[in-house]
Amino acid sequence: MPNKILTVALVLLVATIAGCHSPSSDTSDKPRVALIMKSLANEFFSTMENGAKDHQRAHDDQYELLSNGIKDERDLARQAAMVDEMVASGVDAIVIAPADSKALVPALRKAKKKGVVVVNIDNRLDAEVLRQEQIAIPFVGPDNKAGAKKVGEYLATRLSKGDKVAVLEGIRTSFNGQQRQLGFEEAMTEAGIEIVDSQSAEWETVKANTIAASILSEHPEIKAILASNDSMALGALAAVRSAGRSGEVIVVGFDNISAVQQAIREDKILATADQHGDQLAVFGIEAALKMLADPLVESEDIETPVDLITSESLAK
């Protein structure tokens, strides 16, 4: 009998201890925000993540942050799975830079149906697909077309009417890639400069290097390469150097990563556009927190800054 009493007592003690450390007792009242990015191998997105982490540390009493990104910007299935995983983990909001403007919408629709607040940053989701899925997701980010046009217009001041150039595009199904392409094209058309080749290097440095080398071989007459992000600009710069065309073929980019800033200071790259990657996720997080605080607030798009970066602006 004493053994039975002792056994019962031990069971009750274990249960009490377990209860003291149950998940519910550790649950915070702070909202949990998930930041889902594209490839963290790209400095732009690691900068974005660091900016978000700095913001969370400064506002630790306001929210918890979970951040993650895919290894390959073409791995759409993995990014969609991340959305599902974050919903399953019970996050209150998702701030996402989608790798594709269309493919991620169904996963985000499921998240919204579960009551999760969703904010779209960096790469705008396709408006028609959002209508088809009957959901509204606010976009917080820059006007990519306007930013690319600023870069293109600055490049045009170093070229002459009738000159020929090439473009390195991003992933063609991404809205920001499409908009940057349009901005480059508009600037070149207005300046009377001809785009003789335009190919997608899918945001990647190595692929951009290979494609740019081929373009330089096929079109030795080109005077410049317009890259839709800085990773591709670095690949193009390496191809120009390998072809012995340094100082002859101008390279421009978009994103203002540190390596390109240095290349601009050294007059190796002419210009880029700064969409303030360190603050871009922060803008999205702040919008999500506002929507969580007031469920009746309208989910409106918010345009964020994008600035031309040149050796002159870096010298200030």
C-alpha atoms as a PDB file:
ATOM      1  CA  MET A   1       0.000   0.000   0.000  1.00  0.00           C
ATOM      2  CA  PRO A   2       2.755   2.511   0.879  1.00  0.00           C
ATOM      3  CA  ASN A   3       4.378   1.739  -2.479  1.00  0.00           C
ATOM      4  CA  LYS A   4       1.139   2.556  -4.273  1.00  0.00           C
ATOM      5  CA  ILE A   5       0.824   5.831  -2.364  1.00  0.00           C
ATOM      6  CA  LEU A   6       4.432   6.663  -3.205  1.00  0.00           C
ATOM      7  CA  THR A   7       3.841   5.858  -6.893  1.00  0.00           C
ATOM      8  CA  VAL A   8       0.738   8.088  -7.019  1.00  0.00           C
ATOM      9  CA  ALA A   9       2.643  10.867  -5.285  1.00  0.00           C
ATOM     10  CA  LEU A  10       5.475  10.631  -7.811  1.00  0.00           C
ATOM     11  CA  VAL A  11       3.037  10.712 -10.737  1.00  0.00           C
ATOM     12  CA  LEU A  12       1.346  13.805  -9.322  1.00  0.00           C
ATOM     13  CA  LEU A  13       4.738  15.469  -8.773  1.00  0.00           C
ATOM     14  CA  VAL A  14       5.856  14.773 -12.354  1.00  0.00           C
ATOM     15  CA  ALA A  15       2.557  16.061 -13.700  1.00  0.00           C
ATOM     16  CA  THR A  16       2.889  19.224 -11.632  1.00  0.00           C
ATOM     17  CA  ILE A  17       6.444  19.821 -12.861  1.00  0.00           C
ATOM     18  CA  ALA A  18       5.410  19.177 -16.462  1.00  0.00           C
ATOM     19  CA  GLY A  19       2.522  21.582 -16.052  1.00  0.00           C
ATOM     20  CA  CYS A  20       4.870  24.298 -14.841  1.00  0.00           C
ATOM     21  CA  HIS A  21       6.843  23.987 -18.117  1.00  0.00           C
ATOM     22  CA  SER A  22       3.947  23.482 -20.501  1.00  0.00           C
ATOM     23  CA  PRO A  23       3.947  25.519 -23.743  1.00  0.00           C
ATOM     24  CA  SER A  24       0.852  27.455 -22.646  1.00  0.00           C
ATOM     25  CA  SER A  25       2.603  28.810 -19.552  1.00  0.00           C
ATOM     26  CA  ASP A  26       5.455  30.169 -21.708  1.00  0.00           C
ATOM     27  CA  THR A  27       3.236  31.654 -24.396  1.00  0.00           C
ATOM     28  CA  SER A  28       3.801  35.374 -24.868  1.00  0.00           C
ATOM     29  CA  ASP A  29       1.040  37.847 -25.561  1.00  0.00           C
ATOM     30  CA  LYS A  30       3.287  39.529 -28.123  1.00  0.00           C
ATOM     31  CA  PRO A  31       2.320  38.908 -31.765  1.00  0.00           C
ATOM     32  CA  ARG A  32       4.606  36.569 -33.699  1.00  0.00           C
ATOM     33  CA  VAL A  33       5.685  37.878 -37.104  1.00  0.00           C
ATOM     34  CA  ALA A  34       7.298  35.627 -39.723  1.00  0.00           C
ATOM     35  CA  LEU A  35       9.627  37.199 -42.297  1.00  0.00           C
ATOM     36  CA  ILE A  36       9.994  34.978 -45.369  1.00  0.00           C
ATOM     37  CA  MET A  37      12.569  36.094 -47.905  1.00  0.00           C
ATOM     38  CA  LYS A  38      14.176  34.980 -51.111  1.00  0.00           C
ATOM     39  CA  SER A  39      17.748  33.679 -51.242  1.00  0.00           C
ATOM     40  CA  LEU A  40      19.830  34.651 -48.219  1.00  0.00           C
ATOM     41  CA  ALA A  41      22.877  33.966 -50.403  1.00  0.00           C
ATOM     42  CA  ASN A  42      22.030  37.324 -51.994  1.00  0.00           C
ATOM     43  CA  GLU A  43      23.476  40.120 -49.848  1.00  0.00           C
ATOM     44  CA  PHE A  44      20.356  42.210 -50.395  1.00  0.00           C
ATOM     45  CA  PHE A  45      18.210  39.725 -48.482  1.00  0.00           C
ATOM     46  CA  SER A  46      20.739  39.132 -45.707  1.00  0.00           C
ATOM     47  CA  THR A  47      20.797  42.927 -45.285  1.00  0.00           C
ATOM     48  CA  MET A  48      16.993  42.883 -45.184  1.00  0.00           C
ATOM     49  CA  GLU A  49      17.032  40.192 -42.486  1.00  0.00           C
ATOM     50  CA  ASN A  50      19.608  42.046 -40.388  1.00  0.00           C
ATOM     51  CA  GLY A  51      17.539  45.225 -40.579  1.00  0.00           C
ATOM     52  CA  ALA A  52      14.454  43.332 -39.412  1.00  0.00           C
ATOM     53  CA  LYS A  53      16.354  41.739 -36.519  1.00  0.00           C
ATOM     54  CA  ASP A  54      17.699  45.133 -35.422  1.00  0.00           C
ATOM     55  CA  HIS A  55      14.167  46.540 -35.480  1.00  0.00           C
ATOM     56  CA  GLN A  56      12.803  43.641 -33.423  1.00  0.00           C
ATOM     57  CA  ARG A  57      15.533  44.027 -30.811  1.00  0.00           C
ATOM     58  CA  ALA A  58      14.666  47.711 -30.514  1.00  0.00           C
ATOM     59  CA  HIS A  59      10.964  46.806 -30.155  1.00  0.00           C
ATOM     60  CA  ASP A  60      11.291  43.586 -28.197  1.00  0.00           C
ATOM     61  CA  ASP A  61       8.245  44.432 -26.093  1.00  0.00           C
ATOM     62  CA  GLN A  62       6.052  44.746 -29.206  1.00  0.00           C
ATOM     63  CA  TYR A  63       6.559  41.537 -31.214  1.00  0.00           C
ATOM     64  CA  GLU A  64       8.525  38.342 -31.795  1.00  0.00           C
ATOM     65  CA  LEU A  65      10.289  37.739 -35.117  1.00  0.00           C
ATOM     66  CA  LEU A  66      10.869  34.502 -37.012  1.00  0.00           C
ATOM     67  CA  SER A  67      12.926  34.901 -40.185  1.00  0.00           C
ATOM     68  CA  ASN A  68      13.888  32.512 -42.945  1.00  0.00           C
ATOM     69  CA  GLY A  69      14.683  32.399 -46.645  1.00  0.00           C
ATOM     70  CA  ILE A  70      15.177  29.904 -49.446  1.00  0.00           C
ATOM     71  CA  LYS A  71      18.623  28.895 -50.710  1.00  0.00           C
ATOM     72  CA  ASP A  72      17.717  29.176 -54.401  1.00  0.00           C
ATOM     73  CA  GLU A  73      15.419  31.943 -55.651  1.00  0.00           C
ATOM     74  CA  ARG A  74      13.872  29.453 -58.085  1.00  0.00           C
ATOM     75  CA  ASP A  75      12.795  27.069 -55.302  1.00  0.00           C
ATOM     76  CA  LEU A  76       9.180  28.192 -55.253  1.00  0.00           C
ATOM     77  CA  ALA A  77       7.939  24.957 -53.670  1.00  0.00           C
ATOM     78  CA  ARG A  78      10.216  25.454 -50.674  1.00  0.00           C
ATOM     79  CA  GLN A  79       9.082  29.035 -50.160  1.00  0.00           C
ATOM     80  CA  ALA A  80       5.426  27.968 -50.337  1.00  0.00           C
ATOM     81  CA  ALA A  81       6.210  25.226 -47.794  1.00  0.00           C
ATOM     82  CA  MET A  82       7.727  27.862 -45.504  1.00  0.00           C
ATOM     83  CA  VAL A  83       4.424  29.747 -45.595  1.00  0.00           C
ATOM     84  CA  ASP A  84       2.552  26.574 -44.605  1.00  0.00           C
ATOM     85  CA  GLU A  85       5.076  25.864 -41.832  1.00  0.00           C
ATOM     86  CA  MET A  86       4.742  29.340 -40.372  1.00  0.00           C
ATOM     87  CA  VAL A  87       0.949  29.092 -40.394  1.00  0.00           C
ATOM     88  CA  ALA A  88       1.138  25.691 -38.685  1.00  0.00           C
ATOM     89  CA  SER A  89       3.468  27.149 -36.030  1.00  0.00           C
ATOM     90  CA  GLY A  90       0.806  29.707 -35.137  1.00  0.00           C
ATOM     91  CA  VAL A  91       2.310  32.993 -36.325  1.00  0.00           C
ATOM     92  CA  ASP A  92       0.051  36.037 -36.317  1.00  0.00           C
ATOM     93  CA  ALA A  93       1.498  37.675 -39.424  1.00  0.00           C
ATOM     94  CA  ILE A  94       3.633  36.836 -42.457  1.00  0.00           C
ATOM     95  CA  VAL A  95       5.761  39.442 -44.234  1.00  0.00           C
ATOM     96  CA  ILE A  96       6.957  37.908 -47.485  1.00  0.00           C
ATOM     97  CA  ALA A  97       9.256  38.759 -50.381  1.00  0.00           C
ATOM     98  CA  PRO A  98       7.838  36.198 -52.851  1.00  0.00           C
ATOM     99  CA  ALA A  99      10.219  34.540 -55.283  1.00  0.00           C
ATOM    100  CA  ASP A 100       7.413  34.450 -57.843  1.00  0.00           C
ATOM    101  CA  SER A 101       4.537  36.868 -58.284  1.00  0.00           C
ATOM    102  CA  LYS A 102       1.966  34.171 -59.073  1.00  0.00           C
ATOM    103  CA  ALA A 103       3.054  30.834 -57.601  1.00  0.00           C
ATOM    104  CA  LEU A 104       2.986  31.947 -53.955  1.00  0.00           C
ATOM    105  CA  VAL A 105      -0.546  33.351 -54.003  1.00  0.00           C
ATOM    106  CA  PRO A 106      -2.408  30.053 -53.251  1.00  0.00           C
ATOM    107  CA  ALA A 107      -0.272  29.405 -50.134  1.00  0.00           C
ATOM    108  CA  LEU A 108      -0.845  32.969 -48.958  1.00  0.00           C
ATOM    109  CA  ARG A 109      -4.588  32.625 -49.545  1.00  0.00           C
ATOM    110  CA  LYS A 110      -4.602  29.600 -47.220  1.00  0.00           C
ATOM    111  CA  ALA A 111      -2.685  31.633 -44.639  1.00  0.00           C
ATOM    112  CA  LYS A 112      -5.235  34.436 -44.775  1.00  0.00           C
ATOM    113  CA  LYS A 113      -8.103  31.936 -44.425  1.00  0.00           C
ATOM    114  CA  LYS A 114      -6.450  30.797 -41.177  1.00  0.00           C
ATOM    115  CA  GLY A 115      -6.600  34.381 -39.918  1.00  0.00           C
ATOM    116  CA  VAL A 116      -2.951  35.245 -40.528  1.00  0.00           C
ATOM    117  CA  VAL A 117      -2.192  38.832 -41.561  1.00  0.00           C
ATOM    118  CA  VAL A 118      -0.134  38.843 -44.783  1.00  0.00           C
ATOM    119  CA  VAL A 119       2.007  41.710 -46.105  1.00  0.00           C
ATOM    120  CA  ASN A 120       3.826  41.552 -49.452  1.00  0.00           C
ATOM    121  CA  ILE A 121       7.250  43.253 -49.748  1.00  0.00           C
ATOM    122  CA  ASP A 122       9.975  43.594 -52.420  1.00  0.00           C
ATOM    123  CA  ASN A 123       8.296  41.732 -55.288  1.00  0.00           C
ATOM    124  CA  ARG A 124       4.631  42.592 -55.889  1.00  0.00           C
ATOM    125  CA  LEU A 125       2.165  39.723 -56.164  1.00  0.00           C
ATOM    126  CA  ASP A 126       0.254  39.458 -59.448  1.00  0.00           C
ATOM    127  CA  ALA A 127      -2.938  41.536 -59.282  1.00  0.00           C
ATOM    128  CA  GLU A 128      -4.926  39.248 -61.588  1.00  0.00           C
ATOM    129  CA  VAL A 129      -4.049  36.112 -59.600  1.00  0.00           C
ATOM    130  CA  LEU A 130      -5.017  37.902 -56.375  1.00  0.00           C
ATOM    131  CA  ARG A 131      -8.384  38.728 -57.953  1.00  0.00           C
ATOM    132  CA  GLN A 132      -8.829  35.114 -59.063  1.00  0.00           C
ATOM    133  CA  GLU A 133      -8.051  33.910 -55.537  1.00  0.00           C
ATOM    134  CA  GLN A 134     -10.405  36.628 -54.196  1.00  0.00           C
ATOM    135  CA  ILE A 135      -7.940  38.019 -51.703  1.00  0.00           C
ATOM    136  CA  ALA A 136      -6.344  41.394 -51.020  1.00  0.00           C
ATOM    137  CA  ILE A 137      -2.736  41.561 -49.835  1.00  0.00           C
ATOM    138  CA  PRO A 138      -1.099  44.970 -49.410  1.00  0.00           C
ATOM    139  CA  PHE A 139       2.215  45.638 -51.127  1.00  0.00           C
ATOM    140  CA  VAL A 140       4.834  47.588 -49.207  1.00  0.00           C
ATOM    141  CA  GLY A 141       7.772  48.435 -51.421  1.00  0.00           C
ATOM    142  CA  PRO A 142       9.346  50.722 -54.010  1.00  0.00           C
ATOM    143  CA  ASP A 143       8.361  51.583 -57.559  1.00  0.00           C
ATOM    144  CA  ASN A 144      10.852  49.303 -59.316  1.00  0.00           C
ATOM    145  CA  LYS A 145      10.115  50.749 -62.738  1.00  0.00           C
ATOM    146  CA  ALA A 146      10.831  54.287 -61.539  1.00  0.00           C
ATOM    147  CA  GLY A 147      14.054  53.158 -59.847  1.00  0.00           C
ATOM    148  CA  ALA A 148      15.324  51.360 -62.931  1.00  0.00           C
ATOM    149  CA  LYS A 149      14.414  54.322 -65.115  1.00  0.00           C
ATOM    150  CA  LYS A 150      16.512  56.613 -62.892  1.00  0.00           C
ATOM    151  CA  VAL A 151      19.489  54.294 -63.389  1.00  0.00           C
ATOM    152  CA  GLY A 152      18.852  54.076 -67.134  1.00  0.00           C
ATOM    153  CA  GLU A 153      18.535  57.841 -67.489  1.00  0.00           C
ATOM    154  CA  TYR A 154      21.823  58.373 -65.649  1.00  0.00           C
ATOM    155  CA  LEU A 155      23.514  55.823 -67.903  1.00  0.00           C
ATOM    156  CA  ALA A 156      22.137  57.649 -70.948  1.00  0.00           C
ATOM    157  CA  THR A 157      24.093  60.775 -69.949  1.00  0.00           C
ATOM    158  CA  ARG A 158      27.286  58.772 -70.591  1.00  0.00           C
ATOM    159  CA  LEU A 159      26.144  57.406 -73.957  1.00  0.00           C
ATOM    160  CA  SER A 160      25.197  58.873 -77.320  1.00  0.00           C
ATOM    161  CA  LYS A 161      22.039  58.542 -79.372  1.00  0.00           C
ATOM    162  CA  GLY A 162      22.278  55.415 -81.525  1.00  0.00           C
ATOM    163  CA  ASP A 163      24.536  53.528 -79.103  1.00  0.00           C
ATOM    164  CA  LYS A 164      23.709  49.897 -78.408  1.00  0.00           C
ATOM    165  CA  VAL A 165      23.306  48.206 -75.010  1.00  0.00           C
ATOM    166  CA  ALA A 166      22.229  44.879 -73.498  1.00  0.00           C
ATOM    167  CA  VAL A 167      20.005  44.024 -70.529  1.00  0.00           C
ATOM    168  CA  LEU A 168      20.302  41.243 -67.967  1.00  0.00           C
ATOM    169  CA  GLU A 169      16.810  40.478 -66.696  1.00  0.00           C
ATOM    170  CA  GLY A 170      15.724  38.913 -63.426  1.00  0.00           C
ATOM    171  CA  ILE A 171      13.348  35.961 -63.175  1.00  0.00           C
ATOM    172  CA  ARG A 172      10.755  36.748 -65.823  1.00  0.00           C
ATOM    173  CA  THR A 173       7.753  35.711 -63.709  1.00  0.00           C
ATOM    174  CA  SER A 174       8.689  38.167 -60.937  1.00  0.00           C
ATOM    175  CA  PHE A 175       6.912  41.508 -61.004  1.00  0.00           C
ATOM    176  CA  ASN A 176       9.926  43.485 -59.804  1.00  0.00           C
ATOM    177  CA  GLY A 177      12.041  41.967 -62.579  1.00  0.00           C
ATOM    178  CA  GLN A 178       9.406  42.893 -65.158  1.00  0.00           C
ATOM    179  CA  GLN A 179       9.168  46.441 -63.834  1.00  0.00           C
ATOM    180  CA  ARG A 180      12.909  46.995 -63.824  1.00  0.00           C
ATOM    181  CA  GLN A 181      13.056  45.755 -67.393  1.00  0.00           C
ATOM    182  CA  LEU A 182      10.329  48.240 -68.366  1.00  0.00           C
ATOM    183  CA  GLY A 183      12.156  51.069 -66.597  1.00  0.00           C
ATOM    184  CA  PHE A 184      15.403  50.311 -68.432  1.00  0.00           C
ATOM    185  CA  GLU A 185      13.575  50.043 -71.763  1.00  0.00           C
ATOM    186  CA  GLU A 186      11.737  53.328 -71.268  1.00  0.00           C
ATOM    187  CA  ALA A 187      14.931  55.201 -70.402  1.00  0.00           C
ATOM    188  CA  MET A 188      16.791  53.764 -73.395  1.00  0.00           C
ATOM    189  CA  THR A 189      13.939  54.462 -75.815  1.00  0.00           C
ATOM    190  CA  GLU A 190      13.648  58.078 -74.672  1.00  0.00           C
ATOM    191  CA  ALA A 191      17.416  58.529 -75.107  1.00  0.00           C
ATOM    192  CA  GLY A 192      17.446  56.942 -78.571  1.00  0.00           C
ATOM    193  CA  ILE A 193      19.640  54.058 -77.422  1.00  0.00           C
ATOM    194  CA  GLU A 194      19.043  50.569 -78.810  1.00  0.00           C
ATOM    195  CA  ILE A 195      18.752  47.426 -76.684  1.00  0.00           C
ATOM    196  CA  VAL A 196      20.244  44.756 -78.975  1.00  0.00           C
ATOM    197  CA  ASP A 197      20.004  41.834 -76.544  1.00  0.00           C
ATOM    198  CA  SER A 198      17.995  41.110 -73.406  1.00  0.00           C
ATOM    199  CA  GLN A 199      18.286  37.811 -71.523  1.00  0.00           C
ATOM    200  CA  SER A 200      17.327  36.498 -68.091  1.00  0.00           C
ATOM    201  CA  ALA A 201      20.171  35.583 -65.744  1.00  0.00           C
ATOM    202  CA  GLU A 202      17.620  34.850 -62.992  1.00  0.00           C
ATOM    203  CA  TRP A 203      19.231  37.257 -60.499  1.00  0.00           C
ATOM    204  CA  GLU A 204      22.418  35.089 -60.296  1.00  0.00           C
ATOM    205  CA  THR A 205      26.039  36.264 -60.536  1.00  0.00           C
ATOM    206  CA  VAL A 206      27.479  33.154 -62.201  1.00  0.00           C
ATOM    207  CA  LYS A 207      24.703  32.918 -64.764  1.00  0.00           C
ATOM    208  CA  ALA A 208      25.014  36.642 -65.474  1.00  0.00           C
ATOM    209  CA  ASN A 209      28.741  36.225 -66.051  1.00  0.00           C
ATOM    210  CA  THR A 210      28.168  33.451 -68.592  1.00  0.00           C
ATOM    211  CA  ILE A 211      25.388  35.296 -70.431  1.00  0.00           C
ATOM    212  CA  ALA A 212      27.231  38.632 -70.424  1.00  0.00           C
ATOM    213  CA  ALA A 213      30.344  36.948 -71.855  1.00  0.00           C
ATOM    214  CA  SER A 214      28.228  35.517 -74.662  1.00  0.00           C
ATOM    215  CA  ILE A 215      26.562  38.878 -75.333  1.00  0.00           C
ATOM    216  CA  LEU A 216      29.935  40.653 -75.489  1.00  0.00           C
ATOM    217  CA  SER A 217      31.135  38.080 -78.013  1.00  0.00           C
ATOM    218  CA  GLU A 218      28.008  38.264 -80.175  1.00  0.00           C
ATOM    219  CA  HIS A 219      27.579  42.041 -79.907  1.00  0.00           C
ATOM    220  CA  PRO A 220      31.033  43.614 -79.619  1.00  0.00           C
ATOM    221  CA  GLU A 221      29.446  46.960 -80.450  1.00  0.00           C
ATOM    222  CA  ILE A 222      27.539  47.304 -77.163  1.00  0.00           C
ATOM    223  CA  LYS A 223      28.513  50.203 -74.931  1.00  0.00           C
ATOM    224  CA  ALA A 224      26.751  49.161 -71.717  1.00  0.00           C
ATOM    225  CA  ILE A 225      25.058  46.338 -69.793  1.00  0.00           C
ATOM    226  CA  LEU A 226      22.046  47.132 -67.634  1.00  0.00           C
ATOM    227  CA  ALA A 227      21.644  44.503 -64.902  1.00  0.00           C
ATOM    228  CA  SER A 228      18.334  44.178 -63.054  1.00  0.00           C
ATOM    229  CA  ASN A 229      20.076  43.498 -59.752  1.00  0.00           C
ATOM    230  CA  ASP A 230      23.549  44.014 -58.330  1.00  0.00           C
ATOM    231  CA  SER A 231      24.408  40.302 -58.172  1.00  0.00           C
ATOM    232  CA  MET A 232      24.045  40.173 -61.959  1.00  0.00           C
ATOM    233  CA  ALA A 233      25.911  43.479 -62.303  1.00  0.00           C
ATOM    234  CA  LEU A 234      28.905  41.885 -60.589  1.00  0.00           C
ATOM    235  CA  GLY A 235      28.719  38.944 -62.986  1.00  0.00           C
ATOM    236  CA  ALA A 236      28.579  41.334 -65.932  1.00  0.00           C
ATOM    237  CA  LEU A 237      31.516  43.325 -64.571  1.00  0.00           C
ATOM    238  CA  ALA A 238      33.624  40.163 -64.393  1.00  0.00           C
ATOM    239  CA  ALA A 239      32.689  39.309 -67.983  1.00  0.00           C
ATOM    240  CA  VAL A 240      33.646  42.793 -69.172  1.00  0.00           C
ATOM    241  CA  ARG A 241      36.989  42.475 -67.414  1.00  0.00           C
ATOM    242  CA  SER A 242      37.631  39.009 -68.878  1.00  0.00           C
ATOM    243  CA  ALA A 243      36.834  40.308 -72.356  1.00  0.00           C
ATOM    244  CA  GLY A 244      39.393  43.070 -71.944  1.00  0.00           C
ATOM    245  CA  ARG A 245      36.665  45.706 -72.253  1.00  0.00           C
ATOM    246  CA  SER A 246      37.095  47.475 -68.896  1.00  0.00           C
ATOM    247  CA  GLY A 247      36.585  51.195 -69.382  1.00  0.00           C
ATOM    248  CA  GLU A 248      34.766  50.562 -72.676  1.00  0.00           C
ATOM    249  CA  VAL A 249      31.548  48.800 -71.570  1.00  0.00           C
ATOM    250  CA  ILE A 250      29.647  50.482 -68.744  1.00  0.00           C
ATOM    251  CA  VAL A 251      27.768  48.374 -66.179  1.00  0.00           C
ATOM    252  CA  VAL A 252      24.825  49.492 -64.025  1.00  0.00           C
ATOM    253  CA  GLY A 253      22.786  47.559 -61.466  1.00  0.00           C
ATOM    254  CA  PHE A 254      19.990  47.737 -58.926  1.00  0.00           C
ATOM    255  CA  ASP A 255      19.987  47.113 -55.108  1.00  0.00           C
ATOM    256  CA  ASN A 256      23.028  48.993 -53.743  1.00  0.00           C
ATOM    257  CA  ILE A 257      24.799  46.066 -52.112  1.00  0.00           C
ATOM    258  CA  SER A 258      28.190  46.784 -50.504  1.00  0.00           C
ATOM    259  CA  ALA A 259      30.312  45.190 -53.249  1.00  0.00           C
ATOM    260  CA  VAL A 260      28.660  47.369 -55.883  1.00  0.00           C
ATOM    261  CA  GLN A 261      29.016  50.476 -53.720  1.00  0.00           C
ATOM    262  CA  GLN A 262      32.760  49.807 -53.662  1.00  0.00           C
ATOM    263  CA  ALA A 263      32.815  49.181 -57.424  1.00  0.00           C
ATOM    264  CA  ILE A 264      31.062  52.530 -57.961  1.00  0.00           C
ATOM    265  CA  ARG A 265      33.626  54.290 -55.786  1.00  0.00           C
ATOM    266  CA  GLU A 266      36.365  52.693 -57.896  1.00  0.00           C
ATOM    267  CA  ASP A 267      34.610  53.725 -61.158  1.00  0.00           C
ATOM    268  CA  LYS A 268      34.096  50.099 -62.186  1.00  0.00           C
ATOM    269  CA  ILE A 269      30.285  50.279 -62.071  1.00  0.00           C
ATOM    270  CA  LEU A 270      28.502  53.493 -62.989  1.00  0.00           C
ATOM    271  CA  ALA A 271      25.323  53.431 -60.897  1.00  0.00           C
ATOM    272  CA  THR A 272      22.740  51.394 -59.024  1.00  0.00           C
ATOM    273  CA  ALA A 273      19.416  51.964 -57.288  1.00  0.00           C
ATOM    274  CA  ASP A 274      18.932  51.830 -53.528  1.00  0.00           C
ATOM    275  CA  GLN A 275      15.571  50.500 -52.364  1.00  0.00           C
ATOM    276  CA  HIS A 276      16.843  50.595 -48.783  1.00  0.00           C
ATOM    277  CA  GLY A 277      16.983  46.845 -48.203  1.00  0.00           C
ATOM    278  CA  ASP A 278      17.841  47.286 -44.530  1.00  0.00           C
ATOM    279  CA  GLN A 279      14.482  49.005 -44.009  1.00  0.00           C
ATOM    280  CA  LEU A 280      12.284  47.246 -46.549  1.00  0.00           C
ATOM    281  CA  ALA A 281      11.276  44.377 -44.242  1.00  0.00           C
ATOM    282  CA  VAL A 282      10.862  46.878 -41.401  1.00  0.00           C
ATOM    283  CA  PHE A 283       8.319  48.826 -43.443  1.00  0.00           C
ATOM    284  CA  GLY A 284       6.411  45.576 -44.007  1.00  0.00           C
ATOM    285  CA  ILE A 285       6.612  44.526 -40.356  1.00  0.00           C
ATOM    286  CA  GLU A 286       5.315  47.895 -39.197  1.00  0.00           C
ATOM    287  CA  ALA A 287       2.388  47.605 -41.617  1.00  0.00           C
ATOM    288  CA  ALA A 288       1.629  44.093 -40.317  1.00  0.00           C
ATOM    289  CA  LEU A 289       1.734  45.256 -36.681  1.00  0.00           C
ATOM    290  CA  LYS A 290      -0.660  48.087 -37.507  1.00  0.00           C
ATOM    291  CA  MET A 291      -3.087  45.626 -39.106  1.00  0.00           C
ATOM    292  CA  LEU A 292      -2.825  43.297 -36.099  1.00  0.00           C
ATOM    293  CA  ALA A 293      -3.496  46.171 -33.704  1.00  0.00           C
ATOM    294  CA  ASP A 294      -6.586  47.231 -35.643  1.00  0.00           C
ATOM    295  CA  PRO A 295      -8.248  44.457 -37.692  1.00  0.00           C
ATOM    296  CA  LEU A 296     -10.545  47.057 -39.258  1.00  0.00           C
ATOM    297  CA  VAL A 297      -7.671  49.061 -40.770  1.00  0.00           C
ATOM    298  CA  GLU A 298      -7.700  49.036 -44.578  1.00  0.00           C
ATOM    299  CA  SER A 299      -4.871  47.024 -46.148  1.00  0.00           C
ATOM    300  CA  GLU A 300      -3.446  49.718 -48.410  1.00  0.00           C
ATOM    301  CA  ASP A 301      -0.311  49.589 -50.542  1.00  0.00           C
ATOM    302  CA  ILE A 302       2.590  51.681 -49.238  1.00  0.00           C
ATOM    303  CA  GLU A 303       5.224  53.014 -51.634  1.00  0.00           C
ATOM    304  CA  THR A 304       8.723  53.136 -50.132  1.00  0.00           C
ATOM    305  CA  PRO A 305      11.761  55.147 -51.324  1.00  0.00           C
ATOM    306  CA  VAL A 306      14.101  54.192 -54.149  1.00  0.00           C
ATOM    307  CA  ASP A 307      17.133  56.372 -54.861  1.00  0.00           C
ATOM    308  CA  LEU A 308      19.816  56.637 -57.553  1.00  0.00           C
ATOM    309  CA  ILE A 309      23.303  55.787 -56.262  1.00  0.00           C
ATOM    310  CA  THR A 310      26.352  57.166 -58.076  1.00  0.00           C
ATOM    311  CA  SER A 311      29.919  58.075 -57.140  1.00  0.00           C
ATOM    312  CA  GLU A 312      28.672  61.617 -56.530  1.00  0.00           C
ATOM    313  CA  SER A 313      25.946  60.528 -54.087  1.00  0.00           C
ATOM    314  CA  LEU A 314      28.342  58.184 -52.264  1.00  0.00           C
ATOM    315  CA  ALA A 315      30.852  60.996 -51.849  1.00  0.00           C
ATOM    316  CA  LYS A 316      28.355  63.140 -49.927  1.00  0.00           C
END
